[in-house]
Amino acid sequence: MTRAAVLGAGAWGTTFAAVLADAGTDVTLWGRDATAIAQVRDERRNDRALSGLELPDGLHATTDAAEALADADIVAVALPAQHVRGIVAEMTPLVPSGAVVASLMKGIELGTHERMSQVLGEAWGVGDERMTVVSGPNLAKEIASKQPTATVIAGVNPAATEFVAASTASAYFRPYTNSDVVGVELSGAYKNVIAVSVGIADGMGFGHNTTATVITRGLAEITRLGLSLGALPETFSGLAGMGDLIATCASPLSRNHTLGSAIGRGASLDEAIASTGGTAEGVKTSLSIQELARDQGVDVPICDAVVAMIHEGAPKEGVLQALVSRPRKAEGQ
């Protein structure tokens, strides 16, 4: 039987561990919160992350990283993007030399502008042939409720992506494989920034036309930056691109949308962060995306607007007017 370790007992880490267990994989969930881990182990619940949902019997849980990682064939990582490097560094000697690593994280590291698979690869000395990325419309509570969904397992090694796909496929979870790691990871990170902007628009009282405009032009931004980094254009119309963007921008379950909506209604950034009940990766990722885009010479007006509103305190109305007043151009440019 395939053995997997999932590092990170938040909503998505716990959900992915449940997905693995439901697919017949022997899985151990690792987390630092002893109370949450004890509840997973003893009661088959994680009320802090997934209130009211029952977890499968085959899911083990521990606060001991060595126990979780022992003999693991798959190591999945679902930790806060801006802190993952420091957390996983101490686990380097514990990671089995042949394990396939699956990054479940959606962010770009501040300063380095590295994608999460790059961060893990550097921290653990894992080559690209053992690295995979999981992305797509991954709203944790819906998947934990066993609502049907599809996802993307990306990696340069078809054997590794197929191994992770086979270890997660079930009656409600359908994984597709993809070789475009750059496009899949960039889409997963950038859509959080666009979701913040959609939330802000919603909080300001705007309707579906505005939402559709921001989502569509947001996808254009993601695609523009992705192509400059060597991503494949078809990725952005697929599950990791448009699929994840729609789910995160439209759902009240999205922390990034929730945070943006609070800001749109007049909350401060600190108040908006508190309202999400967890980590809204779009807050810091907006800064790293903006820096990356400037390095690439790519125009990202929606990302710039998010940074101006949530980090620089620019008045929302003024930023919106500046966006609408930008020079007109052909849509495909």
C-alpha atoms as a PDB file:
ATOM      1  CA  MET A   1       0.000   0.000   0.000  1.00  0.00           C
ATOM      2  CA  THR A   2       1.200   3.519  -0.810  1.00  0.00           C
ATOM      3  CA  ARG A   3       2.145   5.524   2.260  1.00  0.00           C
ATOM      4  CA  ALA A   4       1.745   9.312   2.371  1.00  0.00           C
ATOM      5  CA  ALA A   5       2.581  12.089   4.819  1.00  0.00           C
ATOM      6  CA  VAL A   6       0.723  15.393   4.752  1.00  0.00           C
ATOM      7  CA  LEU A   7       2.468  18.297   6.464  1.00  0.00           C
ATOM      8  CA  GLY A   8       0.046  20.955   7.651  1.00  0.00           C
ATOM      9  CA  ALA A   9      -3.226  20.338   9.489  1.00  0.00           C
ATOM     10  CA  GLY A  10      -5.134  23.363   8.266  1.00  0.00           C
ATOM     11  CA  ALA A  11      -8.255  23.091   6.142  1.00  0.00           C
ATOM     12  CA  TRP A  12      -6.550  22.106   2.887  1.00  0.00           C
ATOM     13  CA  GLY A  13      -3.928  19.827   4.445  1.00  0.00           C
ATOM     14  CA  THR A  14      -6.570  17.976   6.460  1.00  0.00           C
ATOM     15  CA  THR A  15      -8.815  17.723   3.418  1.00  0.00           C
ATOM     16  CA  PHE A  16      -6.040  16.398   1.196  1.00  0.00           C
ATOM     17  CA  ALA A  17      -5.160  13.813   3.834  1.00  0.00           C
ATOM     18  CA  ALA A  18      -8.806  12.717   3.779  1.00  0.00           C
ATOM     19  CA  VAL A  19      -8.705  12.544  -0.038  1.00  0.00           C
ATOM     20  CA  LEU A  20      -5.671  10.265   0.128  1.00  0.00           C
ATOM     21  CA  ALA A  21      -7.318   8.059   2.763  1.00  0.00           C
ATOM     22  CA  ASP A  22     -10.536   7.777   0.733  1.00  0.00           C
ATOM     23  CA  ALA A  23      -8.452   6.732  -2.281  1.00  0.00           C
ATOM     24  CA  GLY A  24      -6.975   3.835  -0.299  1.00  0.00           C
ATOM     25  CA  THR A  25      -3.639   5.451   0.597  1.00  0.00           C
ATOM     26  CA  ASP A  26      -2.170   4.953   4.076  1.00  0.00           C
ATOM     27  CA  VAL A  27      -1.818   8.572   5.222  1.00  0.00           C
ATOM     28  CA  THR A  28      -0.492  10.375   8.293  1.00  0.00           C
ATOM     29  CA  LEU A  29      -1.289  14.039   8.906  1.00  0.00           C
ATOM     30  CA  TRP A  30       1.313  16.155  10.709  1.00  0.00           C
ATOM     31  CA  GLY A  31       0.586  19.405  12.514  1.00  0.00           C
ATOM     32  CA  ARG A  32       1.984  21.505  15.349  1.00  0.00           C
ATOM     33  CA  ASP A  33      -1.341  22.129  17.118  1.00  0.00           C
ATOM     34  CA  ALA A  34      -1.508  19.248  19.606  1.00  0.00           C
ATOM     35  CA  THR A  35      -5.194  19.860  20.345  1.00  0.00           C
ATOM     36  CA  ALA A  36      -6.221  19.712  16.693  1.00  0.00           C
ATOM     37  CA  ILE A  37      -4.075  16.647  16.029  1.00  0.00           C
ATOM     38  CA  ALA A  38      -5.531  14.857  19.055  1.00  0.00           C
ATOM     39  CA  GLN A  39      -9.042  15.579  17.822  1.00  0.00           C
ATOM     40  CA  VAL A  40      -8.223  14.203  14.362  1.00  0.00           C
ATOM     41  CA  ARG A  41      -6.697  11.097  15.905  1.00  0.00           C
ATOM     42  CA  ASP A  42      -9.332  10.420  18.571  1.00  0.00           C
ATOM     43  CA  GLU A  43     -12.568  11.891  17.193  1.00  0.00           C
ATOM     44  CA  ARG A  44     -12.045  11.899  13.399  1.00  0.00           C
ATOM     45  CA  ARG A  45     -12.703  15.656  13.312  1.00  0.00           C
ATOM     46  CA  ASN A  46     -10.776  18.893  12.964  1.00  0.00           C
ATOM     47  CA  ASP A  47     -13.253  21.484  14.140  1.00  0.00           C
ATOM     48  CA  ARG A  48     -10.734  24.295  14.015  1.00  0.00           C
ATOM     49  CA  ALA A  49     -10.210  23.822  10.269  1.00  0.00           C
ATOM     50  CA  LEU A  50     -13.291  21.903   9.046  1.00  0.00           C
ATOM     51  CA  SER A  51     -16.062  22.351  11.554  1.00  0.00           C
ATOM     52  CA  GLY A  52     -18.797  19.719  11.486  1.00  0.00           C
ATOM     53  CA  LEU A  53     -17.154  17.333   9.020  1.00  0.00           C
ATOM     54  CA  GLU A  54     -16.201  13.738   9.786  1.00  0.00           C
ATOM     55  CA  LEU A  55     -12.816  12.452   8.621  1.00  0.00           C
ATOM     56  CA  PRO A  56     -12.170   8.922   7.304  1.00  0.00           C
ATOM     57  CA  ASP A  57     -11.071   6.180   9.685  1.00  0.00           C
ATOM     58  CA  GLY A  58      -7.879   5.486   7.775  1.00  0.00           C
ATOM     59  CA  LEU A  59      -6.400   8.910   8.523  1.00  0.00           C
ATOM     60  CA  HIS A  60      -3.656   8.922  11.172  1.00  0.00           C
ATOM     61  CA  ALA A  61      -2.386  12.094  12.852  1.00  0.00           C
ATOM     62  CA  THR A  62       0.699  13.083  14.818  1.00  0.00           C
ATOM     63  CA  THR A  63       2.760  16.058  16.012  1.00  0.00           C
ATOM     64  CA  ASP A  64       5.949  14.052  15.454  1.00  0.00           C
ATOM     65  CA  ALA A  65       7.418  14.831  12.023  1.00  0.00           C
ATOM     66  CA  ALA A  66       9.685  11.786  12.106  1.00  0.00           C
ATOM     67  CA  GLU A  67       6.692   9.520  12.690  1.00  0.00           C
ATOM     68  CA  ALA A  68       4.713  11.140   9.877  1.00  0.00           C
ATOM     69  CA  LEU A  69       7.539  10.999   7.344  1.00  0.00           C
ATOM     70  CA  ALA A  70       8.842   7.516   8.109  1.00  0.00           C
ATOM     71  CA  ASP A  71       8.765   5.361   4.940  1.00  0.00           C
ATOM     72  CA  ALA A  72       6.528   7.867   3.117  1.00  0.00           C
ATOM     73  CA  ASP A  73       6.179   7.351  -0.634  1.00  0.00           C
ATOM     74  CA  ILE A  74       4.457  10.733  -1.029  1.00  0.00           C
ATOM     75  CA  VAL A  75       5.126  13.856   1.040  1.00  0.00           C
ATOM     76  CA  ALA A  76       2.435  16.508   0.556  1.00  0.00           C
ATOM     77  CA  VAL A  77       3.031  19.986   1.979  1.00  0.00           C
ATOM     78  CA  ALA A  78       0.206  22.376   2.913  1.00  0.00           C
ATOM     79  CA  LEU A  79       1.868  25.081   5.015  1.00  0.00           C
ATOM     80  CA  PRO A  80       1.646  28.912   4.865  1.00  0.00           C
ATOM     81  CA  ALA A  81       3.563  29.952   1.758  1.00  0.00           C
ATOM     82  CA  GLN A  82       5.614  32.715   3.360  1.00  0.00           C
ATOM     83  CA  HIS A  83       6.733  30.519   6.267  1.00  0.00           C
ATOM     84  CA  VAL A  84       7.201  27.138   4.632  1.00  0.00           C
ATOM     85  CA  ARG A  85      10.955  27.398   4.055  1.00  0.00           C
ATOM     86  CA  GLY A  86      11.705  27.818   7.747  1.00  0.00           C
ATOM     87  CA  ILE A  87       9.249  25.146   8.863  1.00  0.00           C
ATOM     88  CA  VAL A  88      10.422  22.406   6.519  1.00  0.00           C
ATOM     89  CA  ALA A  89      14.162  23.086   6.807  1.00  0.00           C
ATOM     90  CA  GLU A  90      14.412  21.147  10.067  1.00  0.00           C
ATOM     91  CA  MET A  91      12.680  18.158   8.451  1.00  0.00           C
ATOM     92  CA  THR A  92      15.260  17.735   5.668  1.00  0.00           C
ATOM     93  CA  PRO A  93      16.975  14.629   7.117  1.00  0.00           C
ATOM     94  CA  LEU A  94      13.574  13.007   7.735  1.00  0.00           C
ATOM     95  CA  VAL A  95      12.301  13.099   4.140  1.00  0.00           C
ATOM     96  CA  PRO A  96      12.717   9.662   2.497  1.00  0.00           C
ATOM     97  CA  SER A  97      15.187   9.833  -0.389  1.00  0.00           C
ATOM     98  CA  GLY A  98      12.799   8.282  -2.892  1.00  0.00           C
ATOM     99  CA  ALA A  99       9.597  10.065  -1.894  1.00  0.00           C
ATOM    100  CA  VAL A 100       7.599  12.075  -4.404  1.00  0.00           C
ATOM    101  CA  VAL A 101       6.905  15.555  -3.037  1.00  0.00           C
ATOM    102  CA  ALA A 102       3.555  17.245  -3.686  1.00  0.00           C
ATOM    103  CA  SER A 103       3.227  20.980  -3.068  1.00  0.00           C
ATOM    104  CA  LEU A 104      -0.338  21.910  -2.132  1.00  0.00           C
ATOM    105  CA  MET A 105       0.562  25.579  -1.562  1.00  0.00           C
ATOM    106  CA  LYS A 106      -0.463  28.544  -3.693  1.00  0.00           C
ATOM    107  CA  GLY A 107       1.925  31.434  -3.271  1.00  0.00           C
ATOM    108  CA  ILE A 108       5.107  33.154  -4.442  1.00  0.00           C
ATOM    109  CA  GLU A 109       7.826  33.645  -1.835  1.00  0.00           C
ATOM    110  CA  LEU A 110       8.586  37.243  -0.960  1.00  0.00           C
ATOM    111  CA  GLY A 111      12.101  38.346  -1.807  1.00  0.00           C
ATOM    112  CA  THR A 112      13.106  35.309  -3.866  1.00  0.00           C
ATOM    113  CA  HIS A 113       9.968  35.336  -6.081  1.00  0.00           C
ATOM    114  CA  GLU A 114      10.203  31.550  -6.076  1.00  0.00           C
ATOM    115  CA  ARG A 115       7.273  29.217  -6.568  1.00  0.00           C
ATOM    116  CA  MET A 116       6.538  26.804  -3.750  1.00  0.00           C
ATOM    117  CA  SER A 117       7.936  23.779  -5.581  1.00  0.00           C
ATOM    118  CA  GLN A 118      11.191  25.679  -5.989  1.00  0.00           C
ATOM    119  CA  VAL A 119      11.256  26.512  -2.272  1.00  0.00           C
ATOM    120  CA  LEU A 120      10.709  22.865  -1.314  1.00  0.00           C
ATOM    121  CA  GLY A 121      13.238  21.660  -3.855  1.00  0.00           C
ATOM    122  CA  GLU A 122      15.894  23.965  -2.426  1.00  0.00           C
ATOM    123  CA  ALA A 123      15.076  23.237   1.216  1.00  0.00           C
ATOM    124  CA  TRP A 124      15.073  19.458   0.796  1.00  0.00           C
ATOM    125  CA  GLY A 125      17.438  18.982  -2.123  1.00  0.00           C
ATOM    126  CA  VAL A 126      14.669  17.378  -4.169  1.00  0.00           C
ATOM    127  CA  GLY A 127      15.105  17.322  -7.937  1.00  0.00           C
ATOM    128  CA  ASP A 128      12.374  18.223 -10.411  1.00  0.00           C
ATOM    129  CA  GLU A 129      11.834  14.541 -11.247  1.00  0.00           C
ATOM    130  CA  ARG A 130      10.421  13.975  -7.735  1.00  0.00           C
ATOM    131  CA  MET A 131       8.466  17.235  -7.449  1.00  0.00           C
ATOM    132  CA  THR A 132       4.756  17.644  -8.186  1.00  0.00           C
ATOM    133  CA  VAL A 133       2.211  20.419  -7.672  1.00  0.00           C
ATOM    134  CA  VAL A 134      -1.487  20.055  -6.843  1.00  0.00           C
ATOM    135  CA  SER A 135      -3.769  22.889  -7.952  1.00  0.00           C
ATOM    136  CA  GLY A 136      -7.195  23.672  -9.346  1.00  0.00           C
ATOM    137  CA  PRO A 137     -10.592  24.507  -7.823  1.00  0.00           C
ATOM    138  CA  ASN A 138      -9.661  23.254  -4.352  1.00  0.00           C
ATOM    139  CA  LEU A 139     -12.104  24.808  -1.880  1.00  0.00           C
ATOM    140  CA  ALA A 140     -11.337  22.582   1.082  1.00  0.00           C
ATOM    141  CA  LYS A 141     -14.720  22.377   2.780  1.00  0.00           C
ATOM    142  CA  GLU A 142     -16.507  21.339  -0.409  1.00  0.00           C
ATOM    143  CA  ILE A 143     -13.977  18.592  -1.108  1.00  0.00           C
ATOM    144  CA  ALA A 144     -14.055  17.440   2.528  1.00  0.00           C
ATOM    145  CA  SER A 145     -17.836  17.155   2.089  1.00  0.00           C
ATOM    146  CA  LYS A 146     -17.104  14.823  -0.850  1.00  0.00           C
ATOM    147  CA  GLN A 147     -18.604  17.140  -3.447  1.00  0.00           C
ATOM    148  CA  PRO A 148     -17.363  16.158  -6.940  1.00  0.00           C
ATOM    149  CA  THR A 149     -14.319  18.089  -8.115  1.00  0.00           C
ATOM    150  CA  ALA A 150     -11.370  17.831 -10.461  1.00  0.00           C
ATOM    151  CA  THR A 151      -7.802  18.949  -9.866  1.00  0.00           C
ATOM    152  CA  VAL A 152      -4.437  19.104 -11.615  1.00  0.00           C
ATOM    153  CA  ILE A 153      -1.265  17.241 -10.638  1.00  0.00           C
ATOM    154  CA  ALA A 154       1.609  18.999 -12.399  1.00  0.00           C
ATOM    155  CA  GLY A 155       5.216  17.882 -12.759  1.00  0.00           C
ATOM    156  CA  VAL A 156       7.953  17.278 -15.310  1.00  0.00           C
ATOM    157  CA  ASN A 157       8.097  13.536 -14.585  1.00  0.00           C
ATOM    158  CA  PRO A 158       4.973  11.707 -15.867  1.00  0.00           C
ATOM    159  CA  ALA A 159       5.644   8.771 -13.541  1.00  0.00           C
ATOM    160  CA  ALA A 160       5.586  11.058 -10.487  1.00  0.00           C
ATOM    161  CA  THR A 161       2.419  12.916 -11.490  1.00  0.00           C
ATOM    162  CA  GLU A 162       0.617   9.676 -12.316  1.00  0.00           C
ATOM    163  CA  PHE A 163       1.698   8.195  -8.973  1.00  0.00           C
ATOM    164  CA  VAL A 164       0.162  11.104  -7.046  1.00  0.00           C
ATOM    165  CA  ALA A 165      -2.933  11.037  -9.272  1.00  0.00           C
ATOM    166  CA  ALA A 166      -3.464   7.313  -8.680  1.00  0.00           C
ATOM    167  CA  SER A 167      -3.040   7.826  -4.937  1.00  0.00           C
ATOM    168  CA  THR A 168      -5.791  10.481  -4.802  1.00  0.00           C
ATOM    169  CA  ALA A 169      -8.388   9.400  -7.372  1.00  0.00           C
ATOM    170  CA  SER A 170     -11.766   8.467  -5.910  1.00  0.00           C
ATOM    171  CA  ALA A 171     -15.496   8.648  -6.616  1.00  0.00           C
ATOM    172  CA  TYR A 172     -15.540  12.382  -5.848  1.00  0.00           C
ATOM    173  CA  PHE A 173     -11.964  13.510  -6.607  1.00  0.00           C
ATOM    174  CA  ARG A 174     -10.747  13.387 -10.228  1.00  0.00           C
ATOM    175  CA  PRO A 175      -7.093  14.305 -10.837  1.00  0.00           C
ATOM    176  CA  TYR A 176      -5.704  15.281 -14.244  1.00  0.00           C
ATOM    177  CA  THR A 177      -1.972  15.425 -14.981  1.00  0.00           C
ATOM    178  CA  ASN A 178      -0.128  18.363 -16.535  1.00  0.00           C
ATOM    179  CA  SER A 179       3.523  19.053 -17.408  1.00  0.00           C
ATOM    180  CA  ASP A 180       3.313  22.868 -17.117  1.00  0.00           C
ATOM    181  CA  VAL A 181       4.544  23.391 -13.567  1.00  0.00           C
ATOM    182  CA  VAL A 182       5.183  27.129 -14.038  1.00  0.00           C
ATOM    183  CA  GLY A 183       1.711  27.862 -15.397  1.00  0.00           C
ATOM    184  CA  VAL A 184      -0.080  25.736 -12.818  1.00  0.00           C
ATOM    185  CA  GLU A 185       1.778  27.226  -9.860  1.00  0.00           C
ATOM    186  CA  LEU A 186       1.559  30.818 -11.070  1.00  0.00           C
ATOM    187  CA  SER A 187      -2.186  30.448 -11.651  1.00  0.00           C
ATOM    188  CA  GLY A 188      -2.691  29.054  -8.153  1.00  0.00           C
ATOM    189  CA  ALA A 189      -0.805  31.928  -6.556  1.00  0.00           C
ATOM    190  CA  TYR A 190      -2.094  34.791  -8.692  1.00  0.00           C
ATOM    191  CA  LYS A 191      -5.774  33.860  -8.505  1.00  0.00           C
ATOM    192  CA  ASN A 192      -5.683  34.689  -4.773  1.00  0.00           C
ATOM    193  CA  VAL A 193      -4.762  38.283  -5.642  1.00  0.00           C
ATOM    194  CA  ILE A 194      -7.580  38.519  -8.183  1.00  0.00           C
ATOM    195  CA  ALA A 195      -9.989  37.055  -5.607  1.00  0.00           C
ATOM    196  CA  VAL A 196      -9.055  39.836  -3.180  1.00  0.00           C
ATOM    197  CA  SER A 197      -9.884  42.404  -5.874  1.00  0.00           C
ATOM    198  CA  VAL A 198     -13.233  40.740  -6.636  1.00  0.00           C
ATOM    199  CA  GLY A 199     -14.019  40.735  -2.929  1.00  0.00           C
ATOM    200  CA  ILE A 200     -13.223  44.432  -2.688  1.00  0.00           C
ATOM    201  CA  ALA A 201     -15.581  45.145  -5.577  1.00  0.00           C
ATOM    202  CA  ASP A 202     -18.314  43.078  -3.920  1.00  0.00           C
ATOM    203  CA  GLY A 203     -17.777  44.848  -0.613  1.00  0.00           C
ATOM    204  CA  MET A 204     -18.127  48.210  -2.346  1.00  0.00           C
ATOM    205  CA  GLY A 205     -21.541  47.109  -3.618  1.00  0.00           C
ATOM    206  CA  PHE A 206     -20.769  46.449  -7.269  1.00  0.00           C
ATOM    207  CA  GLY A 207     -22.581  43.690  -9.149  1.00  0.00           C
ATOM    208  CA  HIS A 208     -21.969  40.862 -11.587  1.00  0.00           C
ATOM    209  CA  ASN A 209     -20.731  43.002 -14.489  1.00  0.00           C
ATOM    210  CA  THR A 210     -17.887  44.288 -12.346  1.00  0.00           C
ATOM    211  CA  THR A 211     -17.118  40.800 -11.035  1.00  0.00           C
ATOM    212  CA  ALA A 212     -17.011  39.367 -14.558  1.00  0.00           C
ATOM    213  CA  THR A 213     -14.795  42.215 -15.718  1.00  0.00           C
ATOM    214  CA  VAL A 214     -12.281  41.753 -12.899  1.00  0.00           C
ATOM    215  CA  ILE A 215     -12.165  37.963 -13.293  1.00  0.00           C
ATOM    216  CA  THR A 216     -11.698  38.141 -17.065  1.00  0.00           C
ATOM    217  CA  ARG A 217      -9.078  40.880 -17.019  1.00  0.00           C
ATOM    218  CA  GLY A 218      -7.459  39.150 -14.063  1.00  0.00           C
ATOM    219  CA  LEU A 219      -7.061  36.015 -16.161  1.00  0.00           C
ATOM    220  CA  ALA A 220      -5.475  38.164 -18.874  1.00  0.00           C
ATOM    221  CA  GLU A 221      -2.935  39.422 -16.308  1.00  0.00           C
ATOM    222  CA  ILE A 222      -2.142  35.922 -15.077  1.00  0.00           C
ATOM    223  CA  THR A 223      -1.700  34.692 -18.647  1.00  0.00           C
ATOM    224  CA  ARG A 224       0.499  37.637 -19.625  1.00  0.00           C
ATOM    225  CA  LEU A 225       2.876  37.081 -16.722  1.00  0.00           C
ATOM    226  CA  GLY A 226       2.800  33.303 -17.155  1.00  0.00           C
ATOM    227  CA  LEU A 227       3.743  33.453 -20.829  1.00  0.00           C
ATOM    228  CA  SER A 228       6.674  35.725 -19.985  1.00  0.00           C
ATOM    229  CA  LEU A 229       7.903  33.013 -17.599  1.00  0.00           C
ATOM    230  CA  GLY A 230       7.604  30.236 -20.183  1.00  0.00           C
ATOM    231  CA  ALA A 231       4.216  28.771 -19.228  1.00  0.00           C
ATOM    232  CA  LEU A 232       1.936  27.142 -21.795  1.00  0.00           C
ATOM    233  CA  PRO A 233      -1.078  29.239 -22.916  1.00  0.00           C
ATOM    234  CA  GLU A 234      -3.570  26.354 -22.642  1.00  0.00           C
ATOM    235  CA  THR A 235      -2.930  26.029 -18.899  1.00  0.00           C
ATOM    236  CA  PHE A 236      -4.724  29.285 -18.206  1.00  0.00           C
ATOM    237  CA  SER A 237      -8.024  28.140 -19.713  1.00  0.00           C
ATOM    238  CA  GLY A 238      -7.944  24.877 -17.738  1.00  0.00           C
ATOM    239  CA  LEU A 239      -8.617  23.729 -14.189  1.00  0.00           C
ATOM    240  CA  ALA A 240      -5.554  25.367 -12.640  1.00  0.00           C
ATOM    241  CA  GLY A 241      -6.215  28.632 -14.473  1.00  0.00           C
ATOM    242  CA  MET A 242      -9.822  29.592 -15.127  1.00  0.00           C
ATOM    243  CA  GLY A 243     -11.214  26.777 -12.957  1.00  0.00           C
ATOM    244  CA  ASP A 244      -9.398  27.820  -9.799  1.00  0.00           C
ATOM    245  CA  LEU A 245      -9.950  31.510 -10.543  1.00  0.00           C
ATOM    246  CA  ILE A 246     -13.739  31.091 -10.778  1.00  0.00           C
ATOM    247  CA  ALA A 247     -13.939  29.022  -7.596  1.00  0.00           C
ATOM    248  CA  THR A 248     -11.822  31.389  -5.529  1.00  0.00           C
ATOM    249  CA  CYS A 249     -13.380  34.600  -6.822  1.00  0.00           C
ATOM    250  CA  ALA A 250     -16.995  33.471  -6.625  1.00  0.00           C
ATOM    251  CA  SER A 251     -17.177  31.444  -3.417  1.00  0.00           C
ATOM    252  CA  PRO A 252     -17.920  32.806   0.060  1.00  0.00           C
ATOM    253  CA  LEU A 253     -15.690  29.955   1.294  1.00  0.00           C
ATOM    254  CA  SER A 254     -12.660  31.732  -0.198  1.00  0.00           C
ATOM    255  CA  ARG A 255     -10.584  33.507   2.460  1.00  0.00           C
ATOM    256  CA  ASN A 256      -9.169  35.873  -0.138  1.00  0.00           C
ATOM    257  CA  HIS A 257     -12.636  36.895  -1.322  1.00  0.00           C
ATOM    258  CA  THR A 258     -13.757  37.260   2.304  1.00  0.00           C
ATOM    259  CA  LEU A 259     -10.793  39.481   3.118  1.00  0.00           C
ATOM    260  CA  GLY A 260     -11.334  41.655   0.047  1.00  0.00           C
ATOM    261  CA  SER A 261     -15.030  42.030   0.808  1.00  0.00           C
ATOM    262  CA  ALA A 262     -14.241  43.255   4.322  1.00  0.00           C
ATOM    263  CA  ILE A 263     -11.821  45.829   2.933  1.00  0.00           C
ATOM    264  CA  GLY A 264     -14.409  46.902   0.376  1.00  0.00           C
ATOM    265  CA  ARG A 265     -16.830  47.580   3.221  1.00  0.00           C
ATOM    266  CA  GLY A 266     -14.278  49.779   4.980  1.00  0.00           C
ATOM    267  CA  ALA A 267     -12.342  47.418   7.265  1.00  0.00           C
ATOM    268  CA  SER A 268      -8.628  47.875   7.865  1.00  0.00           C
ATOM    269  CA  LEU A 269      -6.234  45.201   6.646  1.00  0.00           C
ATOM    270  CA  ASP A 270      -5.788  43.849  10.178  1.00  0.00           C
ATOM    271  CA  GLU A 271      -9.561  43.701  10.674  1.00  0.00           C
ATOM    272  CA  ALA A 272     -10.003  41.985   7.312  1.00  0.00           C
ATOM    273  CA  ILE A 273      -7.322  39.401   8.100  1.00  0.00           C
ATOM    274  CA  ALA A 274      -9.044  38.612  11.400  1.00  0.00           C
ATOM    275  CA  SER A 275     -12.362  38.112   9.584  1.00  0.00           C
ATOM    276  CA  THR A 276     -10.989  35.306   7.418  1.00  0.00           C
ATOM    277  CA  GLY A 277     -10.235  32.913  10.280  1.00  0.00           C
ATOM    278  CA  GLY A 278      -7.077  31.710   8.531  1.00  0.00           C
ATOM    279  CA  THR A 279      -4.350  32.647   6.063  1.00  0.00           C
ATOM    280  CA  ALA A 280      -5.395  34.673   3.007  1.00  0.00           C
ATOM    281  CA  GLU A 281      -2.340  34.098   0.814  1.00  0.00           C
ATOM    282  CA  GLY A 282      -3.291  36.887  -1.577  1.00  0.00           C
ATOM    283  CA  VAL A 283      -2.243  39.561   0.919  1.00  0.00           C
ATOM    284  CA  LYS A 284       1.495  38.892   0.741  1.00  0.00           C
ATOM    285  CA  THR A 285       1.422  37.234  -2.652  1.00  0.00           C
ATOM    286  CA  SER A 286       0.204  40.516  -4.161  1.00  0.00           C
ATOM    287  CA  LEU A 287       3.559  42.035  -3.212  1.00  0.00           C
ATOM    288  CA  SER A 288       5.654  39.166  -4.577  1.00  0.00           C
ATOM    289  CA  ILE A 289       3.618  39.024  -7.801  1.00  0.00           C
ATOM    290  CA  GLN A 290       4.030  42.762  -8.282  1.00  0.00           C
ATOM    291  CA  GLU A 291       7.799  42.495  -7.788  1.00  0.00           C
ATOM    292  CA  LEU A 292       8.015  39.508 -10.138  1.00  0.00           C
ATOM    293  CA  ALA A 293       5.983  41.305 -12.811  1.00  0.00           C
ATOM    294  CA  ARG A 294       8.213  44.359 -12.614  1.00  0.00           C
ATOM    295  CA  ASP A 295      11.283  42.153 -13.024  1.00  0.00           C
ATOM    296  CA  GLN A 296       9.648  40.665 -16.139  1.00  0.00           C
ATOM    297  CA  GLY A 297       8.483  44.021 -17.482  1.00  0.00           C
ATOM    298  CA  VAL A 298       4.849  42.851 -17.467  1.00  0.00           C
ATOM    299  CA  ASP A 299       1.881  45.164 -16.872  1.00  0.00           C
ATOM    300  CA  VAL A 300      -0.329  43.961 -13.962  1.00  0.00           C
ATOM    301  CA  PRO A 301      -2.813  46.758 -13.184  1.00  0.00           C
ATOM    302  CA  ILE A 302      -5.210  44.713 -11.025  1.00  0.00           C
ATOM    303  CA  CYS A 303      -2.381  43.395  -8.861  1.00  0.00           C
ATOM    304  CA  ASP A 304      -1.021  46.948  -8.605  1.00  0.00           C
ATOM    305  CA  ALA A 305      -4.468  48.144  -7.529  1.00  0.00           C
ATOM    306  CA  VAL A 306      -4.694  45.485  -4.799  1.00  0.00           C
ATOM    307  CA  VAL A 307      -1.267  46.468  -3.457  1.00  0.00           C
ATOM    308  CA  ALA A 308      -2.245  50.137  -3.477  1.00  0.00           C
ATOM    309  CA  MET A 309      -5.490  49.518  -1.596  1.00  0.00           C
ATOM    310  CA  ILE A 310      -4.418  46.981   1.027  1.00  0.00           C
ATOM    311  CA  HIS A 311      -0.754  47.809   1.585  1.00  0.00           C
ATOM    312  CA  GLU A 312      -0.429  51.503   0.738  1.00  0.00           C
ATOM    313  CA  GLY A 313      -3.758  52.762   2.047  1.00  0.00           C
ATOM    314  CA  ALA A 314      -4.834  54.308  -1.263  1.00  0.00           C
ATOM    315  CA  PRO A 315      -8.546  55.269  -1.361  1.00  0.00           C
ATOM    316  CA  LYS A 316     -10.525  52.495  -3.059  1.00  0.00           C
ATOM    317  CA  GLU A 317     -12.589  54.880  -5.158  1.00  0.00           C
ATOM    318  CA  GLY A 318      -9.506  56.611  -6.531  1.00  0.00           C
ATOM    319  CA  VAL A 319      -7.790  53.347  -7.398  1.00  0.00           C
ATOM    320  CA  LEU A 320     -10.922  52.114  -9.153  1.00  0.00           C
ATOM    321  CA  GLN A 321     -11.206  55.337 -11.159  1.00  0.00           C
ATOM    322  CA  ALA A 322      -7.572  55.030 -12.194  1.00  0.00           C
ATOM    323  CA  LEU A 323      -8.176  51.465 -13.399  1.00  0.00           C
ATOM    324  CA  VAL A 324     -11.226  52.420 -15.445  1.00  0.00           C
ATOM    325  CA  SER A 325      -9.429  55.455 -16.891  1.00  0.00           C
ATOM    326  CA  ARG A 326      -6.439  53.547 -18.232  1.00  0.00           C
ATOM    327  CA  PRO A 327      -5.709  54.061 -21.951  1.00  0.00           C
ATOM    328  CA  ARG A 328      -8.033  52.026 -24.149  1.00  0.00           C
ATOM    329  CA  LYS A 329      -6.613  49.222 -26.297  1.00  0.00           C
ATOM    330  CA  ALA A 330      -7.635  46.145 -28.263  1.00  0.00           C
ATOM    331  CA  GLU A 331      -8.743  43.323 -25.937  1.00  0.00           C
ATOM    332  CA  GLY A 332      -6.151  40.830 -27.110  1.00  0.00           C
ATOM    333  CA  GLN A 333      -3.170  43.106 -26.497  1.00  0.00           C
END
